[in-house]
Amino acid sequence: MNSKNIPFSTIDWTNVPKSEHKGESGTAWWQTMQFEGLRVRLVEYSKGYVADHWCAKGHIVHCLEGEFVSELQDGGKSVLTKGMTYVVTDDLSSHRSSTENGVKLLIIDGDFLKFQP
């Protein structure tokens, strides 16, 4: 079996520790499961959170609770609410997130989102 193959796995998020990440304002708490070539995170942003950097990494981001703004470095903005998802490939659209009232997200990223010229 290839080491990148992931056998059937369940994640009990109540048993996954949280790590704290300060933003330009507010705080993000990440619960992370790392597999080879794949990262799955449950992420919560506090009220008033604004990311402290532009991110060029590809993601699949699904909004579980609340609302947030995904701002693109080129000036575009998208508001995502509960039940909405965005997808982006690495190095295609630098972006950052912010939220007025807090949000809970499921974020998936990994090798499958690498830019393919």
PDB file of N, CA and C in Angstrom:
ATOM      1  N   MET A   1       0.849  -1.178   0.000  1.00  0.00           N
ATOM      2  CA  MET A   1       0.000   0.000   0.000  1.00  0.00           C
ATOM      3  C   MET A   1       0.897   1.245   0.000  1.00  0.00           C
ATOM      4  N   ASN A   2       0.561   2.231  -0.816  1.00  0.00           N
ATOM      5  CA  ASN A   2       1.278   3.492  -0.877  1.00  0.00           C
ATOM      6  C   ASN A   2       1.123   4.232   0.449  1.00  0.00           C
ATOM      7  N   SER A   3       2.183   4.893   0.929  1.00  0.00           N
ATOM      8  CA  SER A   3       2.121   5.587   2.214  1.00  0.00           C
ATOM      9  C   SER A   3       1.173   6.782   2.192  1.00  0.00           C
ATOM     10  N   LYS A   4       0.768   7.220   1.001  1.00  0.00           N
ATOM     11  CA  LYS A   4      -0.189   8.322   0.914  1.00  0.00           C
ATOM     12  C   LYS A   4      -1.636   7.845   1.000  1.00  0.00           C
ATOM     13  N   ASN A   5      -1.845   6.546   0.946  1.00  0.00           N
ATOM     14  CA  ASN A   5      -3.195   6.022   1.085  1.00  0.00           C
ATOM     15  C   ASN A   5      -3.645   6.181   2.523  1.00  0.00           C
ATOM     16  N   ILE A   6      -4.880   6.610   2.705  1.00  0.00           N
ATOM     17  CA  ILE A   6      -5.430   6.813   4.042  1.00  0.00           C
ATOM     18  C   ILE A   6      -6.507   5.766   4.263  1.00  0.00           C
ATOM     19  N   PRO A   7      -6.310   4.882   5.234  1.00  0.00           N
ATOM     20  CA  PRO A   7      -7.362   3.904   5.521  1.00  0.00           C
ATOM     21  C   PRO A   7      -8.570   4.608   6.117  1.00  0.00           C
ATOM     22  N   PHE A   8      -9.695   3.920   6.140  1.00  0.00           N
ATOM     23  CA  PHE A   8     -10.903   4.491   6.736  1.00  0.00           C
ATOM     24  C   PHE A   8     -10.550   5.021   8.118  1.00  0.00           C
ATOM     25  N   SER A   9     -10.868   6.290   8.335  1.00  0.00           N
ATOM     26  CA  SER A   9     -10.522   6.940   9.595  1.00  0.00           C
ATOM     27  C   SER A   9     -11.681   7.810  10.046  1.00  0.00           C
ATOM     28  N   THR A  10     -11.893   7.856  11.338  1.00  0.00           N
ATOM     29  CA  THR A  10     -12.862   8.790  11.904  1.00  0.00           C
ATOM     30  C   THR A  10     -12.091   9.790  12.756  1.00  0.00           C
ATOM     31  N   ILE A  11     -12.639  10.982  12.877  1.00  0.00           N
ATOM     32  CA  ILE A  11     -12.014  12.011  13.704  1.00  0.00           C
ATOM     33  C   ILE A  11     -13.021  12.446  14.757  1.00  0.00           C
ATOM     34  N   ASP A  12     -12.672  12.250  16.016  1.00  0.00           N
ATOM     35  CA  ASP A  12     -13.475  12.772  17.123  1.00  0.00           C
ATOM     36  C   ASP A  12     -12.834  14.096  17.517  1.00  0.00           C
ATOM     37  N   TRP A  13     -13.395  15.186  17.020  1.00  0.00           N
ATOM     38  CA  TRP A  13     -12.795  16.504  17.224  1.00  0.00           C
ATOM     39  C   TRP A  13     -12.711  16.877  18.696  1.00  0.00           C
ATOM     40  N   THR A  14     -13.531  16.271  19.553  1.00  0.00           N
ATOM     41  CA  THR A  14     -13.452  16.587  20.981  1.00  0.00           C
ATOM     42  C   THR A  14     -12.137  16.112  21.584  1.00  0.00           C
ATOM     43  N   ASN A  15     -11.438  15.207  20.902  1.00  0.00           N
ATOM     44  CA  ASN A  15     -10.162  14.692  21.398  1.00  0.00           C
ATOM     45  C   ASN A  15      -8.946  15.289  20.684  1.00  0.00           C
ATOM     46  N   VAL A  16      -9.166  16.236  19.789  1.00  0.00           N
ATOM     47  CA  VAL A  16      -8.063  16.851  19.048  1.00  0.00           C
ATOM     48  C   VAL A  16      -7.721  18.184  19.718  1.00  0.00           C
ATOM     49  N   PRO A  17      -6.489  18.346  20.183  1.00  0.00           N
ATOM     50  CA  PRO A  17      -6.121  19.588  20.878  1.00  0.00           C
ATOM     51  C   PRO A  17      -6.197  20.811  19.971  1.00  0.00           C
ATOM     52  N   LYS A  18      -6.448  21.962  20.592  1.00  0.00           N
ATOM     53  CA  LYS A  18      -6.515  23.228  19.866  1.00  0.00           C
ATOM     54  C   LYS A  18      -5.188  23.960  19.988  1.00  0.00           C
ATOM     55  N   SER A  19      -4.776  24.570  18.873  1.00  0.00           N
ATOM     56  CA  SER A  19      -3.614  25.462  18.910  1.00  0.00           C
ATOM     57  C   SER A  19      -4.110  26.872  18.599  1.00  0.00           C
ATOM     58  N   GLU A  20      -3.502  27.844  19.249  1.00  0.00           N
ATOM     59  CA  GLU A  20      -3.933  29.238  19.132  1.00  0.00           C
ATOM     60  C   GLU A  20      -3.040  29.977  18.142  1.00  0.00           C
ATOM     61  N   HIS A  21      -3.674  30.782  17.277  1.00  0.00           N
ATOM     62  CA  HIS A  21      -2.955  31.552  16.268  1.00  0.00           C
ATOM     63  C   HIS A  21      -3.528  32.967  16.263  1.00  0.00           C
ATOM     64  N   LYS A  22      -2.712  33.928  16.645  1.00  0.00           N
ATOM     65  CA  LYS A  22      -3.153  35.321  16.687  1.00  0.00           C
ATOM     66  C   LYS A  22      -3.248  35.886  15.275  1.00  0.00           C
ATOM     67  N   GLY A  23      -4.272  36.684  15.046  1.00  0.00           N
ATOM     68  CA  GLY A  23      -4.425  37.375  13.784  1.00  0.00           C
ATOM     69  C   GLY A  23      -3.946  38.810  13.914  1.00  0.00           C
ATOM     70  N   GLU A  24      -4.139  39.585  12.856  1.00  0.00           N
ATOM     71  CA  GLU A  24      -3.904  41.026  12.933  1.00  0.00           C
ATOM     72  C   GLU A  24      -4.757  41.581  14.062  1.00  0.00           C
ATOM     73  N   SER A  25      -5.979  41.043  14.156  1.00  0.00           N
ATOM     74  CA  SER A  25      -6.832  41.245  15.321  1.00  0.00           C
ATOM     75  C   SER A  25      -7.561  39.928  15.561  1.00  0.00           C
ATOM     76  N   GLY A  26      -7.900  39.650  16.789  1.00  0.00           N
ATOM     77  CA  GLY A  26      -8.597  38.421  17.128  1.00  0.00           C
ATOM     78  C   GLY A  26      -7.681  37.207  17.115  1.00  0.00           C
ATOM     79  N   THR A  27      -8.318  36.043  17.292  1.00  0.00           N
ATOM     80  CA  THR A  27      -7.582  34.789  17.434  1.00  0.00           C
ATOM     81  C   THR A  27      -8.256  33.691  16.623  1.00  0.00           C
ATOM     82  N   ALA A  28      -7.424  32.797  16.084  1.00  0.00           N
ATOM     83  CA  ALA A  28      -7.913  31.580  15.428  1.00  0.00           C
ATOM     84  C   ALA A  28      -7.469  30.394  16.275  1.00  0.00           C
ATOM     85  N   TRP A  29      -8.358  29.425  16.437  1.00  0.00           N
ATOM     86  CA  TRP A  29      -8.024  28.175  17.121  1.00  0.00           C
ATOM     87  C   TRP A  29      -8.140  27.060  16.103  1.00  0.00           C
ATOM     88  N   TRP A  30      -7.059  26.300  15.938  1.00  0.00           N
ATOM     89  CA  TRP A  30      -7.005  25.206  14.966  1.00  0.00           C
ATOM     90  C   TRP A  30      -6.991  23.883  15.692  1.00  0.00           C
ATOM     91  N   GLN A  31      -7.775  22.948  15.188  1.00  0.00           N
ATOM     92  CA  GLN A  31      -7.666  21.531  15.552  1.00  0.00           C
ATOM     93  C   GLN A  31      -7.250  20.836  14.263  1.00  0.00           C
ATOM     94  N   THR A  32      -6.098  20.182  14.279  1.00  0.00           N
ATOM     95  CA  THR A  32      -5.479  19.711  13.040  1.00  0.00           C
ATOM     96  C   THR A  32      -5.240  18.215  13.051  1.00  0.00           C
ATOM     97  N   MET A  33      -5.627  17.575  11.959  1.00  0.00           N
ATOM     98  CA  MET A  33      -5.273  16.183  11.696  1.00  0.00           C
ATOM     99  C   MET A  33      -4.396  16.191  10.451  1.00  0.00           C
ATOM    100  N   GLN A  34      -3.189  15.657  10.597  1.00  0.00           N
ATOM    101  CA  GLN A  34      -2.232  15.657   9.492  1.00  0.00           C
ATOM    102  C   GLN A  34      -2.026  14.232   8.989  1.00  0.00           C
ATOM    103  N   PHE A  35      -2.213  14.058   7.696  1.00  0.00           N
ATOM    104  CA  PHE A  35      -1.923  12.803   7.014  1.00  0.00           C
ATOM    105  C   PHE A  35      -0.860  13.133   5.968  1.00  0.00           C
ATOM    106  N   GLU A  36      -0.205  12.144   5.406  1.00  0.00           N
ATOM    107  CA  GLU A  36       0.780  12.452   4.377  1.00  0.00           C
ATOM    108  C   GLU A  36       0.077  13.083   3.177  1.00  0.00           C
ATOM    109  N   GLY A  37       0.463  14.317   2.874  1.00  0.00           N
ATOM    110  CA  GLY A  37      -0.098  15.023   1.726  1.00  0.00           C
ATOM    111  C   GLY A  37      -1.482  15.593   1.937  1.00  0.00           C
ATOM    112  N   LEU A  38      -2.001  15.544   3.169  1.00  0.00           N
ATOM    113  CA  LEU A  38      -3.361  16.025   3.437  1.00  0.00           C
ATOM    114  C   LEU A  38      -3.443  16.564   4.856  1.00  0.00           C
ATOM    115  N   ARG A  39      -4.030  17.757   4.994  1.00  0.00           N
ATOM    116  CA  ARG A  39      -4.277  18.344   6.314  1.00  0.00           C
ATOM    117  C   ARG A  39      -5.756  18.668   6.410  1.00  0.00           C
ATOM    118  N   VAL A  40      -6.386  18.254   7.506  1.00  0.00           N
ATOM    119  CA  VAL A  40      -7.800  18.514   7.766  1.00  0.00           C
ATOM    120  C   VAL A  40      -7.871  19.291   9.077  1.00  0.00           C
ATOM    121  N   ARG A  41      -8.521  20.456   9.037  1.00  0.00           N
ATOM    122  CA  ARG A  41      -8.586  21.300  10.240  1.00  0.00           C
ATOM    123  C   ARG A  41     -10.010  21.750  10.523  1.00  0.00           C
ATOM    124  N   LEU A  42     -10.338  21.788  11.793  1.00  0.00           N
ATOM    125  CA  LEU A  42     -11.526  22.466  12.287  1.00  0.00           C
ATOM    126  C   LEU A  42     -10.994  23.772  12.860  1.00  0.00           C
ATOM    127  N   VAL A  43     -11.442  24.906  12.321  1.00  0.00           N
ATOM    128  CA  VAL A  43     -10.880  26.202  12.688  1.00  0.00           C
ATOM    129  C   VAL A  43     -11.998  27.123  13.150  1.00  0.00           C
ATOM    130  N   GLU A  44     -11.750  27.796  14.270  1.00  0.00           N
ATOM    131  CA  GLU A  44     -12.678  28.797  14.770  1.00  0.00           C
ATOM    132  C   GLU A  44     -11.971  30.136  14.829  1.00  0.00           C
ATOM    133  N   TYR A  45     -12.634  31.183  14.300  1.00  0.00           N
ATOM    134  CA  TYR A  45     -12.133  32.545  14.396  1.00  0.00           C
ATOM    135  C   TYR A  45     -12.980  33.284  15.415  1.00  0.00           C
ATOM    136  N   SER A  46     -12.317  34.047  16.281  1.00  0.00           N
ATOM    137  CA  SER A  46     -13.023  34.842  17.276  1.00  0.00           C
ATOM    138  C   SER A  46     -13.732  36.019  16.610  1.00  0.00           C
ATOM    139  N   LYS A  47     -14.593  36.685  17.378  1.00  0.00           N
ATOM    140  CA  LYS A  47     -15.201  37.928  16.913  1.00  0.00           C
ATOM    141  C   LYS A  47     -14.078  38.903  16.587  1.00  0.00           C
ATOM    142  N   GLY A  48     -14.228  39.609  15.480  1.00  0.00           N
ATOM    143  CA  GLY A  48     -13.258  40.618  15.104  1.00  0.00           C
ATOM    144  C   GLY A  48     -11.952  40.079  14.539  1.00  0.00           C
ATOM    145  N   TYR A  49     -11.931  38.806  14.159  1.00  0.00           N
ATOM    146  CA  TYR A  49     -10.701  38.222  13.632  1.00  0.00           C
ATOM    147  C   TYR A  49     -10.392  38.763  12.232  1.00  0.00           C
ATOM    148  N   VAL A  50      -9.115  39.123  12.021  1.00  0.00           N
ATOM    149  CA  VAL A  50      -8.590  39.467  10.702  1.00  0.00           C
ATOM    150  C   VAL A  50      -7.253  38.747  10.579  1.00  0.00           C
ATOM    151  N   ALA A  51      -7.067  37.961   9.522  1.00  0.00           N
ATOM    152  CA  ALA A  51      -5.805  37.244   9.316  1.00  0.00           C
ATOM    153  C   ALA A  51      -4.650  38.233   9.230  1.00  0.00           C
ATOM    154  N   ASP A  52      -3.482  37.806   9.704  1.00  0.00           N
ATOM    155  CA  ASP A  52      -2.310  38.685   9.728  1.00  0.00           C
ATOM    156  C   ASP A  52      -1.415  38.530   8.500  1.00  0.00           C
ATOM    157  N   HIS A  53      -1.883  37.816   7.483  1.00  0.00           N
ATOM    158  CA  HIS A  53      -1.063  37.600   6.289  1.00  0.00           C
ATOM    159  C   HIS A  53      -1.963  37.240   5.105  1.00  0.00           C
ATOM    160  N   TRP A  54      -1.404  37.393   3.919  1.00  0.00           N
ATOM    161  CA  TRP A  54      -2.048  36.915   2.698  1.00  0.00           C
ATOM    162  C   TRP A  54      -1.595  35.478   2.497  1.00  0.00           C
ATOM    163  N   CYS A  55      -2.509  34.597   2.256  1.00  0.00           N
ATOM    164  CA  CYS A  55      -2.214  33.170   2.106  1.00  0.00           C
ATOM    165  C   CYS A  55      -2.297  32.790   0.627  1.00  0.00           C
ATOM    166  N   ALA A  56      -1.258  32.122   0.126  1.00  0.00           N
ATOM    167  CA  ALA A  56      -1.247  31.671  -1.268  1.00  0.00           C
ATOM    168  C   ALA A  56      -1.552  30.182  -1.375  1.00  0.00           C
ATOM    169  N   LYS A  57      -1.745  29.521  -0.236  1.00  0.00           N
ATOM    170  CA  LYS A  57      -1.981  28.075  -0.218  1.00  0.00           C
ATOM    171  C   LYS A  57      -3.381  27.759  -0.740  1.00  0.00           C
ATOM    172  N   GLY A  58      -3.511  26.628  -1.379  1.00  0.00           N
ATOM    173  CA  GLY A  58      -4.823  26.167  -1.824  1.00  0.00           C
ATOM    174  C   GLY A  58      -5.592  25.541  -0.672  1.00  0.00           C
ATOM    175  N   HIS A  59      -6.900  25.695  -0.693  1.00  0.00           N
ATOM    176  CA  HIS A  59      -7.761  25.148   0.358  1.00  0.00           C
ATOM    177  C   HIS A  59      -9.117  24.769  -0.213  1.00  0.00           C
ATOM    178  N   ILE A  60      -9.793  23.918   0.510  1.00  0.00           N
ATOM    179  CA  ILE A  60     -11.242  23.775   0.434  1.00  0.00           C
ATOM    180  C   ILE A  60     -11.718  24.254   1.789  1.00  0.00           C
ATOM    181  N   VAL A  61     -12.540  25.304   1.818  1.00  0.00           N
ATOM    182  CA  VAL A  61     -13.003  25.893   3.078  1.00  0.00           C
ATOM    183  C   VAL A  61     -14.523  25.830   3.092  1.00  0.00           C
ATOM    184  N   HIS A  62     -15.056  25.152   4.111  1.00  0.00           N
ATOM    185  CA  HIS A  62     -16.504  25.016   4.263  1.00  0.00           C
ATOM    186  C   HIS A  62     -16.929  25.688   5.558  1.00  0.00           C
ATOM    187  N   CYS A  63     -17.900  26.579   5.463  1.00  0.00           N
ATOM    188  CA  CYS A  63     -18.402  27.317   6.623  1.00  0.00           C
ATOM    189  C   CYS A  63     -19.444  26.480   7.364  1.00  0.00           C
ATOM    190  N   LEU A  64     -19.115  26.112   8.601  1.00  0.00           N
ATOM    191  CA  LEU A  64     -20.006  25.301   9.427  1.00  0.00           C
ATOM    192  C   LEU A  64     -20.976  26.148  10.243  1.00  0.00           C
ATOM    193  N   GLU A  65     -20.488  27.283  10.733  1.00  0.00           N
ATOM    194  CA  GLU A  65     -21.299  28.194  11.557  1.00  0.00           C
ATOM    195  C   GLU A  65     -20.815  29.610  11.334  1.00  0.00           C
ATOM    196  N   GLY A  66     -21.726  30.567  11.328  1.00  0.00           N
ATOM    197  CA  GLY A  66     -21.344  31.968  11.249  1.00  0.00           C
ATOM    198  C   GLY A  66     -21.160  32.460   9.830  1.00  0.00           C
ATOM    199  N   GLU A  67     -20.349  33.512   9.709  1.00  0.00           N
ATOM    200  CA  GLU A  67     -20.130  34.188   8.430  1.00  0.00           C
ATOM    201  C   GLU A  67     -18.731  34.780   8.425  1.00  0.00           C
ATOM    202  N   PHE A  68     -18.082  34.754   7.276  1.00  0.00           N
ATOM    203  CA  PHE A  68     -16.771  35.379   7.150  1.00  0.00           C
ATOM    204  C   PHE A  68     -16.589  35.945   5.753  1.00  0.00           C
ATOM    205  N   VAL A  69     -15.594  36.808   5.628  1.00  0.00           N
ATOM    206  CA  VAL A  69     -15.244  37.407   4.350  1.00  0.00           C
ATOM    207  C   VAL A  69     -13.911  36.833   3.918  1.00  0.00           C
ATOM    208  N   SER A  70     -13.847  36.363   2.684  1.00  0.00           N
ATOM    209  CA  SER A  70     -12.590  35.963   2.083  1.00  0.00           C
ATOM    210  C   SER A  70     -12.212  37.070   1.110  1.00  0.00           C
ATOM    211  N   GLU A  71     -11.143  37.779   1.455  1.00  0.00           N
ATOM    212  CA  GLU A  71     -10.681  38.911   0.656  1.00  0.00           C
ATOM    213  C   GLU A  71      -9.513  38.449  -0.206  1.00  0.00           C
ATOM    214  N   LEU A  72      -9.550  38.789  -1.483  1.00  0.00           N
ATOM    215  CA  LEU A  72      -8.458  38.448  -2.392  1.00  0.00           C
ATOM    216  C   LEU A  72      -7.495  39.616  -2.478  1.00  0.00           C
ATOM    217  N   GLN A  73      -6.227  39.314  -2.637  1.00  0.00           N
ATOM    218  CA  GLN A  73      -5.217  40.354  -2.693  1.00  0.00           C
ATOM    219  C   GLN A  73      -5.442  41.299  -3.875  1.00  0.00           C
ATOM    220  N   ASP A  74      -6.124  40.818  -4.919  1.00  0.00           N
ATOM    221  CA  ASP A  74      -6.413  41.677  -6.081  1.00  0.00           C
ATOM    222  C   ASP A  74      -7.616  42.584  -5.854  1.00  0.00           C
ATOM    223  N   GLY A  75      -8.211  42.529  -4.656  1.00  0.00           N
ATOM    224  CA  GLY A  75      -9.316  43.424  -4.319  1.00  0.00           C
ATOM    225  C   GLY A  75     -10.682  42.769  -4.268  1.00  0.00           C
ATOM    226  N   GLY A  76     -10.824  41.568  -4.779  1.00  0.00           N
ATOM    227  CA  GLY A  76     -12.109  40.880  -4.738  1.00  0.00           C
ATOM    228  C   GLY A  76     -12.467  40.451  -3.324  1.00  0.00           C
ATOM    229  N   LYS A  77     -13.759  40.314  -3.053  1.00  0.00           N
ATOM    230  CA  LYS A  77     -14.226  39.854  -1.746  1.00  0.00           C
ATOM    231  C   LYS A  77     -15.418  38.928  -1.941  1.00  0.00           C
ATOM    232  N   SER A  78     -15.483  37.901  -1.104  1.00  0.00           N
ATOM    233  CA  SER A  78     -16.636  37.004  -1.090  1.00  0.00           C
ATOM    234  C   SER A  78     -17.081  36.825   0.353  1.00  0.00           C
ATOM    235  N   VAL A  79     -18.376  36.931   0.577  1.00  0.00           N
ATOM    236  CA  VAL A  79     -18.949  36.662   1.893  1.00  0.00           C
ATOM    237  C   VAL A  79     -19.464  35.239   1.872  1.00  0.00           C
ATOM    238  N   LEU A  80     -19.010  34.432   2.822  1.00  0.00           N
ATOM    239  CA  LEU A  80     -19.465  33.047   2.922  1.00  0.00           C
ATOM    240  C   LEU A  80     -20.214  32.863   4.231  1.00  0.00           C
ATOM    241  N   THR A  81     -21.344  32.200   4.146  1.00  0.00           N
ATOM    242  CA  THR A  81     -22.176  31.936   5.309  1.00  0.00           C
ATOM    243  C   THR A  81     -22.326  30.429   5.484  1.00  0.00           C
ATOM    244  N   LYS A  82     -22.947  30.037   6.572  1.00  0.00           N
ATOM    245  CA  LYS A  82     -23.144  28.625   6.892  1.00  0.00           C
ATOM    246  C   LYS A  82     -23.622  27.847   5.672  1.00  0.00           C
ATOM    247  N   GLY A  83     -22.919  26.750   5.373  1.00  0.00           N
ATOM    248  CA  GLY A  83     -23.287  25.897   4.252  1.00  0.00           C
ATOM    249  C   GLY A  83     -22.567  26.214   2.955  1.00  0.00           C
ATOM    250  N   MET A  84     -21.814  27.331   2.928  1.00  0.00           N
ATOM    251  CA  MET A  84     -21.088  27.709   1.704  1.00  0.00           C
ATOM    252  C   MET A  84     -19.642  27.222   1.769  1.00  0.00           C
ATOM    253  N   THR A  85     -19.037  27.041   0.594  1.00  0.00           N
ATOM    254  CA  THR A  85     -17.682  26.518   0.469  1.00  0.00           C
ATOM    255  C   THR A  85     -16.937  27.306  -0.601  1.00  0.00           C
ATOM    256  N   TYR A  86     -15.631  27.494  -0.385  1.00  0.00           N
ATOM    257  CA  TYR A  86     -14.803  27.962  -1.497  1.00  0.00           C
ATOM    258  C   TYR A  86     -13.655  26.990  -1.708  1.00  0.00           C
ATOM    259  N   VAL A  87     -13.146  26.973  -2.941  1.00  0.00           N
ATOM    260  CA  VAL A  87     -12.045  26.099  -3.344  1.00  0.00           C
ATOM    261  C   VAL A  87     -11.055  26.949  -4.126  1.00  0.00           C
ATOM    262  N   VAL A  88      -9.755  26.770  -3.846  1.00  0.00           N
ATOM    263  CA  VAL A  88      -8.720  27.485  -4.591  1.00  0.00           C
ATOM    264  C   VAL A  88      -7.454  26.624  -4.630  1.00  0.00           C
ATOM    265  N   THR A  89      -6.750  26.674  -5.751  1.00  0.00           N
ATOM    266  CA  THR A  89      -5.486  25.960  -5.934  1.00  0.00           C
ATOM    267  C   THR A  89      -4.338  26.803  -5.390  1.00  0.00           C
ATOM    268  N   ASP A  90      -3.266  26.149  -4.941  1.00  0.00           N
ATOM    269  CA  ASP A  90      -2.057  26.841  -4.481  1.00  0.00           C
ATOM    270  C   ASP A  90      -1.617  27.877  -5.507  1.00  0.00           C
ATOM    271  N   ASP A  91      -1.191  29.031  -5.018  1.00  0.00           N
ATOM    272  CA  ASP A  91      -0.536  30.074  -5.821  1.00  0.00           C
ATOM    273  C   ASP A  91      -1.400  30.693  -6.914  1.00  0.00           C
ATOM    274  N   LEU A  92      -2.717  30.533  -6.837  1.00  0.00           N
ATOM    275  CA  LEU A  92      -3.586  31.153  -7.849  1.00  0.00           C
ATOM    276  C   LEU A  92      -4.237  32.433  -7.365  1.00  0.00           C
ATOM    277  N   SER A  93      -4.618  32.519  -6.113  1.00  0.00           N
ATOM    278  CA  SER A  93      -5.348  33.675  -5.601  1.00  0.00           C
ATOM    279  C   SER A  93      -4.989  33.877  -4.135  1.00  0.00           C
ATOM    280  N   SER A  94      -4.055  34.783  -3.850  1.00  0.00           N
ATOM    281  CA  SER A  94      -3.728  35.066  -2.453  1.00  0.00           C
ATOM    282  C   SER A  94      -4.960  35.645  -1.766  1.00  0.00           C
ATOM    283  N   HIS A  95      -5.214  35.184  -0.562  1.00  0.00           N
ATOM    284  CA  HIS A  95      -6.452  35.506   0.134  1.00  0.00           C
ATOM    285  C   HIS A  95      -6.206  35.621   1.634  1.00  0.00           C
ATOM    286  N   ARG A  96      -7.157  36.257   2.318  1.00  0.00           N
ATOM    287  CA  ARG A  96      -7.141  36.282   3.774  1.00  0.00           C
ATOM    288  C   ARG A  96      -8.584  36.371   4.260  1.00  0.00           C
ATOM    289  N   SER A  97      -8.792  35.905   5.476  1.00  0.00           N
ATOM    290  CA  SER A  97     -10.142  35.840   6.040  1.00  0.00           C
ATOM    291  C   SER A  97     -10.320  36.846   7.160  1.00  0.00           C
ATOM    292  N   SER A  98     -11.566  37.264   7.333  1.00  0.00           N
ATOM    293  CA  SER A  98     -11.944  38.095   8.470  1.00  0.00           C
ATOM    294  C   SER A  98     -13.393  37.779   8.833  1.00  0.00           C
ATOM    295  N   THR A  99     -13.745  38.071  10.084  1.00  0.00           N
ATOM    296  CA  THR A  99     -15.118  37.866  10.531  1.00  0.00           C
ATOM    297  C   THR A  99     -15.465  38.881  11.605  1.00  0.00           C
ATOM    298  N   GLU A 100     -16.661  39.387  11.543  1.00  0.00           N
ATOM    299  CA  GLU A 100     -17.122  40.324  12.571  1.00  0.00           C
ATOM    300  C   GLU A 100     -17.551  39.580  13.829  1.00  0.00           C
ATOM    301  N   ASN A 101     -18.301  38.507  13.661  1.00  0.00           N
ATOM    302  CA  ASN A 101     -18.953  37.856  14.800  1.00  0.00           C
ATOM    303  C   ASN A 101     -18.442  36.468  15.129  1.00  0.00           C
ATOM    304  N   GLY A 102     -17.380  36.030  14.455  1.00  0.00           N
ATOM    305  CA  GLY A 102     -16.856  34.694  14.694  1.00  0.00           C
ATOM    306  C   GLY A 102     -17.398  33.705  13.681  1.00  0.00           C
ATOM    307  N   VAL A 103     -16.647  32.630  13.477  1.00  0.00           N
ATOM    308  CA  VAL A 103     -17.034  31.634  12.481  1.00  0.00           C
ATOM    309  C   VAL A 103     -16.356  30.314  12.817  1.00  0.00           C
ATOM    310  N   LYS A 104     -16.956  29.222  12.373  1.00  0.00           N
ATOM    311  CA  LYS A 104     -16.374  27.889  12.515  1.00  0.00           C
ATOM    312  C   LYS A 104     -16.286  27.282  11.125  1.00  0.00           C
ATOM    313  N   LEU A 105     -15.067  26.808  10.761  1.00  0.00           N
ATOM    314  CA  LEU A 105     -14.796  26.337   9.412  1.00  0.00           C
ATOM    315  C   LEU A 105     -14.195  24.943   9.419  1.00  0.00           C
ATOM    316  N   LEU A 106     -14.444  24.196   8.366  1.00  0.00           N
ATOM    317  CA  LEU A 106     -13.719  22.970   8.072  1.00  0.00           C
ATOM    318  C   LEU A 106     -12.814  23.308   6.896  1.00  0.00           C
ATOM    319  N   ILE A 107     -11.492  23.140   7.082  1.00  0.00           N
ATOM    320  CA  ILE A 107     -10.526  23.509   6.050  1.00  0.00           C
ATOM    321  C   ILE A 107      -9.702  22.279   5.685  1.00  0.00           C
ATOM    322  N   ILE A 108      -9.657  21.990   4.399  1.00  0.00           N
ATOM    323  CA  ILE A 108      -8.913  20.838   3.882  1.00  0.00           C
ATOM    324  C   ILE A 108      -7.908  21.357   2.870  1.00  0.00           C
ATOM    325  N   ASP A 109      -6.664  20.949   3.013  1.00  0.00           N
ATOM    326  CA  ASP A 109      -5.659  21.311   2.021  1.00  0.00           C
ATOM    327  C   ASP A 109      -4.658  20.178   1.896  1.00  0.00           C
ATOM    328  N   GLY A 110      -3.902  20.219   0.822  1.00  0.00           N
ATOM    329  CA  GLY A 110      -2.926  19.158   0.615  1.00  0.00           C
ATOM    330  C   GLY A 110      -2.360  19.162  -0.776  1.00  0.00           C
ATOM    331  N   ASP A 111      -1.583  18.121  -1.041  1.00  0.00           N
ATOM    332  CA  ASP A 111      -0.861  18.015  -2.311  1.00  0.00           C
ATOM    333  C   ASP A 111      -1.776  18.067  -3.532  1.00  0.00           C
ATOM    334  N   PHE A 112      -3.006  17.616  -3.400  1.00  0.00           N
ATOM    335  CA  PHE A 112      -3.930  17.588  -4.544  1.00  0.00           C
ATOM    336  C   PHE A 112      -4.309  18.983  -5.024  1.00  0.00           C
ATOM    337  N   LEU A 113      -3.981  20.021  -4.229  1.00  0.00           N
ATOM    338  CA  LEU A 113      -4.288  21.406  -4.618  1.00  0.00           C
ATOM    339  C   LEU A 113      -3.074  22.155  -5.150  1.00  0.00           C
ATOM    340  N   LYS A 114      -1.976  21.432  -5.381  1.00  0.00           N
ATOM    341  CA  LYS A 114      -0.789  22.080  -5.937  1.00  0.00           C
ATOM    342  C   LYS A 114      -1.062  22.564  -7.361  1.00  0.00           C
ATOM    343  N   PHE A 115      -0.505  23.706  -7.677  1.00  0.00           N
ATOM    344  CA  PHE A 115      -0.670  24.306  -9.008  1.00  0.00           C
ATOM    345  C   PHE A 115      -0.083  23.367 -10.070  1.00  0.00           C
ATOM    346  N   GLN A 116      -0.841  23.151 -11.134  1.00  0.00           N
ATOM    347  CA  GLN A 116      -0.402  22.314 -12.252  1.00  0.00           C
ATOM    348  C   GLN A 116      -0.348  23.188 -13.497  1.00  0.00           C
ATOM    349  N   PRO A 117       0.869  23.617 -13.951  1.00  0.00           N
ATOM    350  CA  PRO A 117       0.958  24.483 -15.144  1.00  0.00           C
ATOM    351  C   PRO A 117       0.518  23.773 -16.407  1.00  0.00           C
TER     352      PRO A 117
END
